[in-house]
Amino acid sequence: QLLLQKAKTLDSARQGAYRAVATA
């Protein structure tokens, strides 16, 4: 959940892969 909140501040290129860690 903390990673999903932090992902909103990232650029669009890396945001999806960053969210994938939270899902994993």
mmCIF file of all heavy atoms, coordinates in Angstrom:
data_MODEL
# 
_entry.id   MODEL 
# 
loop_
_atom_site.group_PDB 
_atom_site.id 
_atom_site.type_symbol 
_atom_site.label_atom_id 
_atom_site.label_alt_id 
_atom_site.label_comp_id 
_atom_site.label_asym_id 
_atom_site.label_entity_id 
_atom_site.label_seq_id 
_atom_site.pdbx_PDB_ins_code 
_atom_site.Cartn_x 
_atom_site.Cartn_y 
_atom_site.Cartn_z 
_atom_site.occupancy 
_atom_site.B_iso_or_equiv 
_atom_site.pdbx_formal_charge 
_atom_site.auth_seq_id 
_atom_site.auth_comp_id 
_atom_site.auth_asym_id 
_atom_site.auth_atom_id 
_atom_site.pdbx_PDB_model_num 
ATOM 1   N N   . GLN A 1 1  ? 0.826  -1.213  0.000   1.00 0.00 ? 1  GLN A N   1 
ATOM 2   C CA  . GLN A 1 1  ? 0.000  0.000   0.000   1.00 0.00 ? 1  GLN A CA  1 
ATOM 3   C C   . GLN A 1 1  ? 0.856  1.257   0.000   1.00 0.00 ? 1  GLN A C   1 
ATOM 4   O O   . GLN A 1 1  ? 0.538  2.236   -0.689  1.00 0.00 ? 1  GLN A O   1 
ATOM 5   C CB  . GLN A 1 1  ? -0.917 -0.012  1.233   1.00 0.00 ? 1  GLN A CB  1 
ATOM 6   C CG  . GLN A 1 1  ? -2.014 -1.064  1.189   1.00 0.00 ? 1  GLN A CG  1 
ATOM 7   C CD  . GLN A 1 1  ? -2.980 -0.845  0.036   1.00 0.00 ? 1  GLN A CD  1 
ATOM 8   O OE1 . GLN A 1 1  ? -3.343 0.284   -0.290  1.00 0.00 ? 1  GLN A OE1 1 
ATOM 9   N NE2 . GLN A 1 1  ? -3.390 -1.934  -0.613  1.00 0.00 ? 1  GLN A NE2 1 
ATOM 10  N N   . LEU A 1 2  ? 1.947  1.251   0.748   1.00 0.00 ? 2  LEU A N   1 
ATOM 11  C CA  . LEU A 1 2  ? 2.842  2.413   0.753   1.00 0.00 ? 2  LEU A CA  1 
ATOM 12  C C   . LEU A 1 2  ? 3.503  2.606   -0.609  1.00 0.00 ? 2  LEU A C   1 
ATOM 13  O O   . LEU A 1 2  ? 3.715  3.738   -1.058  1.00 0.00 ? 2  LEU A O   1 
ATOM 14  C CB  . LEU A 1 2  ? 3.906  2.243   1.841   1.00 0.00 ? 2  LEU A CB  1 
ATOM 15  C CG  . LEU A 1 2  ? 3.394  2.284   3.293   1.00 0.00 ? 2  LEU A CG  1 
ATOM 16  C CD1 . LEU A 1 2  ? 4.517  1.950   4.271   1.00 0.00 ? 2  LEU A CD1 1 
ATOM 17  C CD2 . LEU A 1 2  ? 2.824  3.664   3.619   1.00 0.00 ? 2  LEU A CD2 1 
ATOM 18  N N   . LEU A 1 3  ? 3.830  1.498   -1.277  1.00 0.00 ? 3  LEU A N   1 
ATOM 19  C CA  . LEU A 1 3  ? 4.432  1.613   -2.611  1.00 0.00 ? 3  LEU A CA  1 
ATOM 20  C C   . LEU A 1 3  ? 3.429  2.179   -3.619  1.00 0.00 ? 3  LEU A C   1 
ATOM 21  O O   . LEU A 1 3  ? 3.808  2.974   -4.499  1.00 0.00 ? 3  LEU A O   1 
ATOM 22  C CB  . LEU A 1 3  ? 4.928  0.240   -3.084  1.00 0.00 ? 3  LEU A CB  1 
ATOM 23  C CG  . LEU A 1 3  ? 6.180  -0.317  -2.423  1.00 0.00 ? 3  LEU A CG  1 
ATOM 24  C CD1 . LEU A 1 3  ? 6.500  -1.696  -2.984  1.00 0.00 ? 3  LEU A CD1 1 
ATOM 25  C CD2 . LEU A 1 3  ? 7.378  0.603   -2.610  1.00 0.00 ? 3  LEU A CD2 1 
ATOM 26  N N   . LEU A 1 4  ? 2.159  1.773   -3.520  1.00 0.00 ? 4  LEU A N   1 
ATOM 27  C CA  . LEU A 1 4  ? 1.148  2.289   -4.440  1.00 0.00 ? 4  LEU A CA  1 
ATOM 28  C C   . LEU A 1 4  ? 0.956  3.796   -4.262  1.00 0.00 ? 4  LEU A C   1 
ATOM 29  O O   . LEU A 1 4  ? 0.742  4.530   -5.239  1.00 0.00 ? 4  LEU A O   1 
ATOM 30  C CB  . LEU A 1 4  ? -0.180 1.566   -4.217  1.00 0.00 ? 4  LEU A CB  1 
ATOM 31  C CG  . LEU A 1 4  ? -0.222 0.092   -4.660  1.00 0.00 ? 4  LEU A CG  1 
ATOM 32  C CD1 . LEU A 1 4  ? -1.556 -0.538  -4.283  1.00 0.00 ? 4  LEU A CD1 1 
ATOM 33  C CD2 . LEU A 1 4  ? 0.011  -0.027  -6.163  1.00 0.00 ? 4  LEU A CD2 1 
ATOM 34  N N   . GLN A 1 5  ? 1.047  4.275   -3.019  1.00 0.00 ? 5  GLN A N   1 
ATOM 35  C CA  . GLN A 1 5  ? 0.948  5.715   -2.787  1.00 0.00 ? 5  GLN A CA  1 
ATOM 36  C C   . GLN A 1 5  ? 2.172  6.438   -3.343  1.00 0.00 ? 5  GLN A C   1 
ATOM 37  O O   . GLN A 1 5  ? 2.051  7.519   -3.939  1.00 0.00 ? 5  GLN A O   1 
ATOM 38  C CB  . GLN A 1 5  ? 0.799  6.002   -1.289  1.00 0.00 ? 5  GLN A CB  1 
ATOM 39  C CG  . GLN A 1 5  ? -0.482 5.455   -0.684  1.00 0.00 ? 5  GLN A CG  1 
ATOM 40  C CD  . GLN A 1 5  ? -0.526 5.643   0.814   1.00 0.00 ? 5  GLN A CD  1 
ATOM 41  O OE1 . GLN A 1 5  ? 0.309  6.342   1.400   1.00 0.00 ? 5  GLN A OE1 1 
ATOM 42  N NE2 . GLN A 1 5  ? -1.508 5.000   1.463   1.00 0.00 ? 5  GLN A NE2 1 
ATOM 43  N N   . LYS A 1 6  ? 3.349  5.827   -3.168  1.00 0.00 ? 6  LYS A N   1 
ATOM 44  C CA  . LYS A 1 6  ? 4.583  6.458   -3.663  1.00 0.00 ? 6  LYS A CA  1 
ATOM 45  C C   . LYS A 1 6  ? 4.631  6.450   -5.199  1.00 0.00 ? 6  LYS A C   1 
ATOM 46  O O   . LYS A 1 6  ? 5.248  7.330   -5.814  1.00 0.00 ? 6  LYS A O   1 
ATOM 47  C CB  . LYS A 1 6  ? 5.783  5.702   -3.089  1.00 0.00 ? 6  LYS A CB  1 
ATOM 48  C CG  . LYS A 1 6  ? 7.153  6.254   -3.449  1.00 0.00 ? 6  LYS A CG  1 
ATOM 49  C CD  . LYS A 1 6  ? 7.457  7.508   -2.666  1.00 0.00 ? 6  LYS A CD  1 
ATOM 50  C CE  . LYS A 1 6  ? 8.847  8.049   -3.013  1.00 0.00 ? 6  LYS A CE  1 
ATOM 51  N NZ  . LYS A 1 6  ? 9.924  7.196   -2.505  1.00 0.00 ? 6  LYS A NZ  1 
ATOM 52  N N   . ALA A 1 7  ? 3.973  5.473   -5.824  1.00 0.00 ? 7  ALA A N   1 
ATOM 53  C CA  . ALA A 1 7  ? 4.019  5.365   -7.289  1.00 0.00 ? 7  ALA A CA  1 
ATOM 54  C C   . ALA A 1 7  ? 3.377  6.568   -7.973  1.00 0.00 ? 7  ALA A C   1 
ATOM 55  O O   . ALA A 1 7  ? 3.715  6.887   -9.126  1.00 0.00 ? 7  ALA A O   1 
ATOM 56  C CB  . ALA A 1 7  ? 3.325  4.076   -7.733  1.00 0.00 ? 7  ALA A CB  1 
ATOM 57  N N   . LYS A 1 8  ? 2.454  7.247   -7.296  1.00 0.00 ? 8  LYS A N   1 
ATOM 58  C CA  . LYS A 1 8  ? 1.782  8.397   -7.902  1.00 0.00 ? 8  LYS A CA  1 
ATOM 59  C C   . LYS A 1 8  ? 2.743  9.552   -8.168  1.00 0.00 ? 8  LYS A C   1 
ATOM 60  O O   . LYS A 1 8  ? 2.457  10.414  -8.999  1.00 0.00 ? 8  LYS A O   1 
ATOM 61  C CB  . LYS A 1 8  ? 0.649  8.872   -6.998  1.00 0.00 ? 8  LYS A CB  1 
ATOM 62  C CG  . LYS A 1 8  ? -0.426 7.809   -6.771  1.00 0.00 ? 8  LYS A CG  1 
ATOM 63  C CD  . LYS A 1 8  ? -1.459 8.277   -5.768  1.00 0.00 ? 8  LYS A CD  1 
ATOM 64  C CE  . LYS A 1 8  ? -2.504 7.187   -5.494  1.00 0.00 ? 8  LYS A CE  1 
ATOM 65  N NZ  . LYS A 1 8  ? -3.487 7.605   -4.466  1.00 0.00 ? 8  LYS A NZ  1 
ATOM 66  N N   . THR A 1 9  ? 3.878  9.568   -7.471  1.00 0.00 ? 9  THR A N   1 
ATOM 67  C CA  . THR A 1 9  ? 4.834  10.662  -7.643  1.00 0.00 ? 9  THR A CA  1 
ATOM 68  C C   . THR A 1 9  ? 5.886  10.375  -8.713  1.00 0.00 ? 9  THR A C   1 
ATOM 69  O O   . THR A 1 9  ? 6.732  11.225  -8.973  1.00 0.00 ? 9  THR A O   1 
ATOM 70  C CB  . THR A 1 9  ? 5.544  10.937  -6.306  1.00 0.00 ? 9  THR A CB  1 
ATOM 71  O OG1 . THR A 1 9  ? 6.293  9.768   -5.926  1.00 0.00 ? 9  THR A OG1 1 
ATOM 72  C CG2 . THR A 1 9  ? 4.534  11.254  -5.214  1.00 0.00 ? 9  THR A CG2 1 
ATOM 73  N N   . LEU A 1 10 ? 5.851  9.190   -9.331  1.00 0.00 ? 10 LEU A N   1 
ATOM 74  C CA  . LEU A 1 10 ? 6.868  8.816   -10.310 1.00 0.00 ? 10 LEU A CA  1 
ATOM 75  C C   . LEU A 1 10 ? 6.410  9.171   -11.714 1.00 0.00 ? 10 LEU A C   1 
ATOM 76  O O   . LEU A 1 10 ? 5.221  9.402   -11.977 1.00 0.00 ? 10 LEU A O   1 
ATOM 77  C CB  . LEU A 1 10 ? 7.155  7.311   -10.221 1.00 0.00 ? 10 LEU A CB  1 
ATOM 78  C CG  . LEU A 1 10 ? 7.692  6.780   -8.889  1.00 0.00 ? 10 LEU A CG  1 
ATOM 79  C CD1 . LEU A 1 10 ? 7.880  5.280   -8.979  1.00 0.00 ? 10 LEU A CD1 1 
ATOM 80  C CD2 . LEU A 1 10 ? 8.998  7.453   -8.504  1.00 0.00 ? 10 LEU A CD2 1 
ATOM 81  N N   . ASP A 1 11 ? 7.367  9.180   -12.640 1.00 0.00 ? 11 ASP A N   1 
ATOM 82  C CA  . ASP A 1 11 ? 7.034  9.436   -14.043 1.00 0.00 ? 11 ASP A CA  1 
ATOM 83  C C   . ASP A 1 11 ? 6.319  8.217   -14.622 1.00 0.00 ? 11 ASP A C   1 
ATOM 84  O O   . ASP A 1 11 ? 6.405  7.104   -14.114 1.00 0.00 ? 11 ASP A O   1 
ATOM 85  C CB  . ASP A 1 11 ? 8.298  9.758   -14.837 1.00 0.00 ? 11 ASP A CB  1 
ATOM 86  C CG  . ASP A 1 11 ? 9.329  8.645   -14.732 1.00 0.00 ? 11 ASP A CG  1 
ATOM 87  O OD1 . ASP A 1 11 ? 10.129 8.675   -13.747 1.00 0.00 ? 11 ASP A OD1 1 
ATOM 88  O OD2 . ASP A 1 11 ? 9.334  7.765   -15.590 1.00 0.00 ? 11 ASP A OD2 1 
ATOM 89  N N   . SER A 1 12 ? 5.615  8.444   -15.711 1.00 0.00 ? 12 SER A N   1 
ATOM 90  C CA  . SER A 1 12 ? 4.760  7.403   -16.278 1.00 0.00 ? 12 SER A CA  1 
ATOM 91  C C   . SER A 1 12 ? 5.549  6.200   -16.772 1.00 0.00 ? 12 SER A C   1 
ATOM 92  O O   . SER A 1 12 ? 5.027  5.082   -16.808 1.00 0.00 ? 12 SER A O   1 
ATOM 93  C CB  . SER A 1 12 ? 3.939  7.995   -17.431 1.00 0.00 ? 12 SER A CB  1 
ATOM 94  O OG  . SER A 1 12 ? 4.813  8.537   -18.426 1.00 0.00 ? 12 SER A OG  1 
ATOM 95  N N   . ALA A 1 13 ? 6.813  6.385   -17.171 1.00 0.00 ? 13 ALA A N   1 
ATOM 96  C CA  . ALA A 1 13 ? 7.590  5.273   -17.728 1.00 0.00 ? 13 ALA A CA  1 
ATOM 97  C C   . ALA A 1 13 ? 7.864  4.204   -16.675 1.00 0.00 ? 13 ALA A C   1 
ATOM 98  O O   . ALA A 1 13 ? 7.791  3.004   -16.950 1.00 0.00 ? 13 ALA A O   1 
ATOM 99  C CB  . ALA A 1 13 ? 8.907  5.793   -18.310 1.00 0.00 ? 13 ALA A CB  1 
ATOM 100 N N   . ARG A 1 14 ? 8.164  4.646   -15.457 1.00 0.00 ? 14 ARG A N   1 
ATOM 101 C CA  . ARG A 1 14 ? 8.530  3.693   -14.412 1.00 0.00 ? 14 ARG A CA  1 
ATOM 102 C C   . ARG A 1 14 ? 7.382  3.356   -13.486 1.00 0.00 ? 14 ARG A C   1 
ATOM 103 O O   . ARG A 1 14 ? 7.500  2.464   -12.652 1.00 0.00 ? 14 ARG A O   1 
ATOM 104 C CB  . ARG A 1 14 ? 9.694  4.234   -13.585 1.00 0.00 ? 14 ARG A CB  1 
ATOM 105 C CG  . ARG A 1 14 ? 11.012 4.308   -14.321 1.00 0.00 ? 14 ARG A CG  1 
ATOM 106 C CD  . ARG A 1 14 ? 12.120 4.736   -13.399 1.00 0.00 ? 14 ARG A CD  1 
ATOM 107 N NE  . ARG A 1 14 ? 11.881 6.078   -12.863 1.00 0.00 ? 14 ARG A NE  1 
ATOM 108 C CZ  . ARG A 1 14 ? 12.557 6.613   -11.840 1.00 0.00 ? 14 ARG A CZ  1 
ATOM 109 N NH1 . ARG A 1 14 ? 13.490 5.904   -11.250 1.00 0.00 ? 14 ARG A NH1 1 
ATOM 110 N NH2 . ARG A 1 14 ? 12.291 7.839   -11.419 1.00 0.00 ? 14 ARG A NH2 1 
ATOM 111 N N   . GLN A 1 15 ? 6.278  4.075   -13.602 1.00 0.00 ? 15 GLN A N   1 
ATOM 112 C CA  . GLN A 1 15 ? 5.194  3.902   -12.641 1.00 0.00 ? 15 GLN A CA  1 
ATOM 113 C C   . GLN A 1 15 ? 4.592  2.502   -12.694 1.00 0.00 ? 15 GLN A C   1 
ATOM 114 O O   . GLN A 1 15 ? 4.300  1.889   -11.664 1.00 0.00 ? 15 GLN A O   1 
ATOM 115 C CB  . GLN A 1 15 ? 4.107  4.956   -12.903 1.00 0.00 ? 15 GLN A CB  1 
ATOM 116 C CG  . GLN A 1 15 ? 3.084  5.041   -11.791 1.00 0.00 ? 15 GLN A CG  1 
ATOM 117 C CD  . GLN A 1 15 ? 2.104  6.174   -12.023 1.00 0.00 ? 15 GLN A CD  1 
ATOM 118 O OE1 . GLN A 1 15 ? 0.926  5.926   -12.254 1.00 0.00 ? 15 GLN A OE1 1 
ATOM 119 N NE2 . GLN A 1 15 ? 2.588  7.411   -11.984 1.00 0.00 ? 15 GLN A NE2 1 
ATOM 120 N N   . GLY A 1 16 ? 4.421  1.973   -13.905 1.00 0.00 ? 16 GLY A N   1 
ATOM 121 C CA  . GLY A 1 16 ? 3.816  0.647   -14.032 1.00 0.00 ? 16 GLY A CA  1 
ATOM 122 C C   . GLY A 1 16 ? 4.671  -0.438  -13.413 1.00 0.00 ? 16 GLY A C   1 
ATOM 123 O O   . GLY A 1 16 ? 4.172  -1.306  -12.680 1.00 0.00 ? 16 GLY A O   1 
ATOM 124 N N   . ALA A 1 17 ? 5.991  -0.421  -13.688 1.00 0.00 ? 17 ALA A N   1 
ATOM 125 C CA  . ALA A 1 17 ? 6.877  -1.431  -13.105 1.00 0.00 ? 17 ALA A CA  1 
ATOM 126 C C   . ALA A 1 17 ? 6.983  -1.273  -11.595 1.00 0.00 ? 17 ALA A C   1 
ATOM 127 O O   . ALA A 1 17 ? 7.101  -2.261  -10.860 1.00 0.00 ? 17 ALA A O   1 
ATOM 128 C CB  . ALA A 1 17 ? 8.261  -1.329  -13.746 1.00 0.00 ? 17 ALA A CB  1 
ATOM 129 N N   . TYR A 1 18 ? 6.912  -0.012  -11.115 1.00 0.00 ? 18 TYR A N   1 
ATOM 130 C CA  . TYR A 1 18 ? 6.962  0.241   -9.671  1.00 0.00 ? 18 TYR A CA  1 
ATOM 131 C C   . TYR A 1 18 ? 5.723  -0.351  -8.998  1.00 0.00 ? 18 TYR A C   1 
ATOM 132 O O   . TYR A 1 18 ? 5.807  -0.969  -7.933  1.00 0.00 ? 18 TYR A O   1 
ATOM 133 C CB  . TYR A 1 18 ? 7.052  1.745   -9.440  1.00 0.00 ? 18 TYR A CB  1 
ATOM 134 C CG  . TYR A 1 18 ? 7.395  2.159   -8.028  1.00 0.00 ? 18 TYR A CG  1 
ATOM 135 C CD1 . TYR A 1 18 ? 8.717  2.316   -7.629  1.00 0.00 ? 18 TYR A CD1 1 
ATOM 136 C CD2 . TYR A 1 18 ? 6.403  2.401   -7.085  1.00 0.00 ? 18 TYR A CD2 1 
ATOM 137 C CE1 . TYR A 1 18 ? 9.045  2.713   -6.343  1.00 0.00 ? 18 TYR A CE1 1 
ATOM 138 C CE2 . TYR A 1 18 ? 6.709  2.784   -5.802  1.00 0.00 ? 18 TYR A CE2 1 
ATOM 139 C CZ  . TYR A 1 18 ? 8.027  2.941   -5.432  1.00 0.00 ? 18 TYR A CZ  1 
ATOM 140 O OH  . TYR A 1 18 ? 8.354  3.320   -4.153  1.00 0.00 ? 18 TYR A OH  1 
ATOM 141 N N   . ARG A 1 19 ? 4.557  -0.178  -9.640  1.00 0.00 ? 19 ARG A N   1 
ATOM 142 C CA  . ARG A 1 19 ? 3.330  -0.753  -9.106  1.00 0.00 ? 19 ARG A CA  1 
ATOM 143 C C   . ARG A 1 19 ? 3.366  -2.285  -9.142  1.00 0.00 ? 19 ARG A C   1 
ATOM 144 O O   . ARG A 1 19 ? 2.762  -2.957  -8.299  1.00 0.00 ? 19 ARG A O   1 
ATOM 145 C CB  . ARG A 1 19 ? 2.128  -0.271  -9.921  1.00 0.00 ? 19 ARG A CB  1 
ATOM 146 C CG  . ARG A 1 19 ? 1.726  1.170   -9.682  1.00 0.00 ? 19 ARG A CG  1 
ATOM 147 C CD  . ARG A 1 19 ? 0.621  1.568   -10.652 1.00 0.00 ? 19 ARG A CD  1 
ATOM 148 N NE  . ARG A 1 19 ? 0.167  2.916   -10.387 1.00 0.00 ? 19 ARG A NE  1 
ATOM 149 C CZ  . ARG A 1 19 ? -0.805 3.240   -9.533  1.00 0.00 ? 19 ARG A CZ  1 
ATOM 150 N NH1 . ARG A 1 19 ? -1.407 2.270   -8.852  1.00 0.00 ? 19 ARG A NH1 1 
ATOM 151 N NH2 . ARG A 1 19 ? -1.165 4.477   -9.345  1.00 0.00 ? 19 ARG A NH2 1 
ATOM 152 N N   . ALA A 1 20 ? 4.093  -2.843  -10.126 1.00 0.00 ? 20 ALA A N   1 
ATOM 153 C CA  . ALA A 1 20 ? 4.171  -4.296  -10.249 1.00 0.00 ? 20 ALA A CA  1 
ATOM 154 C C   . ALA A 1 20 ? 4.838  -4.925  -9.031  1.00 0.00 ? 20 ALA A C   1 
ATOM 155 O O   . ALA A 1 20 ? 4.506  -6.051  -8.641  1.00 0.00 ? 20 ALA A O   1 
ATOM 156 C CB  . ALA A 1 20 ? 4.934  -4.669  -11.516 1.00 0.00 ? 20 ALA A CB  1 
ATOM 157 N N   . VAL A 1 21 ? 5.782  -4.198  -8.404  1.00 0.00 ? 21 VAL A N   1 
ATOM 158 C CA  . VAL A 1 21 ? 6.422  -4.718  -7.192  1.00 0.00 ? 21 VAL A CA  1 
ATOM 159 C C   . VAL A 1 21 ? 5.388  -4.831  -6.067  1.00 0.00 ? 21 VAL A C   1 
ATOM 160 O O   . VAL A 1 21 ? 5.339  -5.826  -5.334  1.00 0.00 ? 21 VAL A O   1 
ATOM 161 C CB  . VAL A 1 21 ? 7.603  -3.817  -6.778  1.00 0.00 ? 21 VAL A CB  1 
ATOM 162 C CG1 . VAL A 1 21 ? 8.225  -4.317  -5.488  1.00 0.00 ? 21 VAL A CG1 1 
ATOM 163 C CG2 . VAL A 1 21 ? 8.655  -3.762  -7.877  1.00 0.00 ? 21 VAL A CG2 1 
ATOM 164 N N   . ALA A 1 22 ? 4.534  -3.801  -5.937  1.00 0.00 ? 22 ALA A N   1 
ATOM 165 C CA  . ALA A 1 22 ? 3.493  -3.840  -4.908  1.00 0.00 ? 22 ALA A CA  1 
ATOM 166 C C   . ALA A 1 22 ? 2.523  -4.995  -5.156  1.00 0.00 ? 22 ALA A C   1 
ATOM 167 O O   . ALA A 1 22 ? 2.094  -5.686  -4.217  1.00 0.00 ? 22 ALA A O   1 
ATOM 168 C CB  . ALA A 1 22 ? 2.742  -2.512  -4.887  1.00 0.00 ? 22 ALA A CB  1 
ATOM 169 N N   . THR A 1 23 ? 2.195  -5.234  -6.420  1.00 0.00 ? 23 THR A N   1 
ATOM 170 C CA  . THR A 1 23 ? 1.304  -6.351  -6.746  1.00 0.00 ? 23 THR A CA  1 
ATOM 171 C C   . THR A 1 23 ? 1.966  -7.692  -6.468  1.00 0.00 ? 23 THR A C   1 
ATOM 172 O O   . THR A 1 23 ? 1.319  -8.636  -5.985  1.00 0.00 ? 23 THR A O   1 
ATOM 173 C CB  . THR A 1 23 ? 0.895  -6.265  -8.224  1.00 0.00 ? 23 THR A CB  1 
ATOM 174 O OG1 . THR A 1 23 ? 0.354  -4.971  -8.490  1.00 0.00 ? 23 THR A OG1 1 
ATOM 175 C CG2 . THR A 1 23 ? -0.138 -7.321  -8.564  1.00 0.00 ? 23 THR A CG2 1 
ATOM 176 N N   . ALA A 1 24 ? 3.272  -7.798  -6.772  1.00 0.00 ? 24 ALA A N   1 
ATOM 177 C CA  . ALA A 1 24 ? 3.991  -9.058  -6.554  1.00 0.00 ? 24 ALA A CA  1 
ATOM 178 C C   . ALA A 1 24 ? 4.069  -9.407  -5.071  1.00 0.00 ? 24 ALA A C   1 
ATOM 179 O O   . ALA A 1 24 ? 4.051  -10.586 -4.705  1.00 0.00 ? 24 ALA A O   1 
ATOM 180 C CB  . ALA A 1 24 ? 5.395  -8.969  -7.145  1.00 0.00 ? 24 ALA A CB  1 
# 
